[in-house]
Amino acid sequence: MKKSNRPYYFLLFFICHELLVAAFYFENYLGLDPCPLCMVSRVTVFALGLLFLIAALHNPSGLTRKVYHSAMSLVSLLGVLVSGRHIYLQSLPADEVPVCGPGLDYMLDTLPFSDVLKEVMHGSGECAEVSWEFLSLSMPIWMLIIYAGFLIISILPVIQKQHRFHFTGKD
């Protein structure tokens, strides 16, 4: 009988959903405008949530499960990298913070996508501002913890070996 992982995938999808709800709450009700790296983080959470939802509906097993988890691992790793860059920018002394560049909307309208991606990942002055903390940890630190958790959960099925025990009747 095939073991169903659907509840776990739905739970992970729900976590991603709630992260996006929280992001929109911070933006629309608390007035915290997202910086470019925050926007990339949102897209990453959305992509992870979509992967978790598709996996929940499909309930993959065997090689297909490893393919899903490989994709989830790559997206989680992207989230770790984005959060790490964000934390790095927030830890810079004020005189070393990159200058604020044009807004994301303007860049998307005027620059090729590859240049926009390069500029966004470089970060800007607005990415270095710490505008919210919980338990003395900024939002990018919390996201790094969450992405690391997703990465661990996603990578385990890819790297674990299947142990099969065969009864041969011999001692």
Foldseek 3Di string as FASTA:
>chain_A
DDDFPLVVLVVLLVVLVVVLVVVVCCCPPVVDDDALLVVVLNVLSVVLSVLSVVCNVVRDDDPVLLVSLVVLLVSLVVLLLSLVLLVVLLPDDPVPFAADDDGLVVCVVPDPPVVSVVVSSNGHNVSNDQDDDDPNHGPSVVSNVVSVVSNVVSCVVNPDDDDDDDDPVDD
